[in-house]
Amino acid sequence: MGSKGLIFLILLLIASSEAQEWAGTDEKAEDLIKEINPDYEPWLSPIWEPPSGEIESLLFSVQAALGALLIGYILGYYRAKHARNA
């Protein structure tokens, strides 16, 4: 194992040993707003809420992967088009 692998392993162990709450920015913002103004009522509510945090993370990951795939396809398309015309 190289030095990069060892550094990665140490950082992984440190990160996993610390008690961290993996909350999204939406949740943190909602908590801050409620702290500033306890009477605040949100304008909208979710149409559907996933039954667990794991499913929510899965859906977010799928959305990120599809977005990256689309951006990669578009960049590849225009790069190939430019290479063909040059």
Protein backbone atom coordinates (compact mmCIF):
# COMPACT_ATOMS: atom_id res chain seq x y z
CA MET A 1 0.00 0.00 0.00
CA GLY A 2 1.41 3.34 -1.02
CA SER A 3 1.56 6.47 1.06
CA LYS A 4 -1.61 7.82 -0.60
CA GLY A 5 -3.52 4.68 0.35
CA LEU A 6 -2.27 4.90 3.92
CA ILE A 7 -3.30 8.56 4.21
CA PHE A 8 -6.74 7.71 2.80
CA LEU A 9 -7.14 4.85 5.28
CA ILE A 10 -6.17 7.07 8.23
CA LEU A 11 -8.59 9.81 7.14
CA LEU A 12 -11.36 7.23 6.66
CA LEU A 13 -10.80 5.84 10.16
CA ILE A 14 -10.81 9.32 11.69
CA ALA A 15 -14.00 10.31 9.87
CA SER A 16 -15.80 7.10 10.82
CA SER A 17 -14.78 7.31 14.48
CA GLU A 18 -16.22 10.79 14.97
CA ALA A 19 -19.93 11.04 15.71
CA GLN A 20 -21.27 13.12 12.84
CA GLU A 21 -24.80 13.94 11.89
CA TRP A 22 -25.20 13.70 8.15
CA ALA A 23 -27.95 16.25 7.70
CA GLY A 24 -28.65 18.09 4.50
CA THR A 25 -28.56 21.83 4.11
CA ASP A 26 -32.36 21.93 3.86
CA GLU A 27 -32.69 20.46 7.33
CA LYS A 28 -30.02 22.74 8.79
CA ALA A 29 -31.65 25.80 7.21
CA GLU A 30 -35.06 24.77 8.55
CA ASP A 31 -33.63 24.39 12.05
CA LEU A 32 -31.96 27.81 11.84
CA ILE A 33 -35.17 29.48 10.62
CA LYS A 34 -37.16 27.89 13.46
CA GLU A 35 -34.53 29.12 15.91
CA ILE A 36 -34.77 32.69 14.58
CA ASN A 37 -38.56 32.73 14.19
CA PRO A 38 -40.39 29.93 16.05
CA ASP A 39 -43.76 30.97 14.52
CA TYR A 40 -42.57 30.50 10.92
CA GLU A 41 -44.76 28.25 8.77
CA PRO A 42 -43.30 26.86 5.51
CA TRP A 43 -45.09 27.90 2.33
CA LEU A 44 -44.92 24.44 0.77
CA SER A 45 -44.68 20.89 1.99
CA PRO A 46 -43.20 17.86 0.23
CA ILE A 47 -45.54 15.90 -2.04
CA TRP A 48 -43.90 12.63 -0.96
CA GLU A 49 -41.32 11.94 1.70
CA PRO A 50 -39.16 8.83 1.44
CA PRO A 51 -39.74 6.30 4.23
CA SER A 52 -36.08 6.40 5.35
CA GLY A 53 -32.92 8.43 5.06
CA GLU A 54 -31.24 5.65 3.11
CA ILE A 55 -33.86 5.79 0.36
CA GLU A 56 -33.56 9.58 0.28
CA SER A 57 -29.77 9.23 -0.12
CA LEU A 58 -30.26 6.64 -2.86
CA LEU A 59 -32.62 8.91 -4.80
CA PHE A 60 -30.21 11.83 -4.42
CA SER A 61 -27.33 9.67 -5.69
CA VAL A 62 -29.36 8.49 -8.68
CA GLN A 63 -30.28 12.09 -9.48
CA ALA A 64 -26.61 13.15 -9.26
CA ALA A 65 -25.52 10.23 -11.47
CA LEU A 66 -28.13 11.03 -14.12
CA GLY A 67 -27.10 14.69 -14.11
CA ALA A 68 -23.43 13.76 -14.48
CA LEU A 69 -24.30 11.35 -17.28
CA LEU A 70 -26.24 14.04 -19.13
CA ILE A 71 -23.47 16.62 -18.74
CA GLY A 72 -20.86 14.05 -19.83
CA TYR A 73 -22.91 13.13 -22.89
CA ILE A 74 -23.36 16.76 -23.92
CA LEU A 75 -19.66 17.56 -23.46
CA GLY A 76 -18.66 14.42 -25.37
CA TYR A 77 -21.10 15.19 -28.16
CA TYR A 78 -19.78 18.71 -28.69
CA ARG A 79 -16.15 17.59 -28.38
CA ALA A 80 -16.68 14.90 -31.04
CA LYS A 81 -18.57 17.36 -33.25
CA HIS A 82 -15.72 19.86 -32.94
CA ALA A 83 -13.12 17.15 -33.70
CA ARG A 84 -15.08 16.01 -36.78
CA ASN A 85 -15.26 19.55 -38.18
CA ALA A 86 -11.58 20.36 -37.53
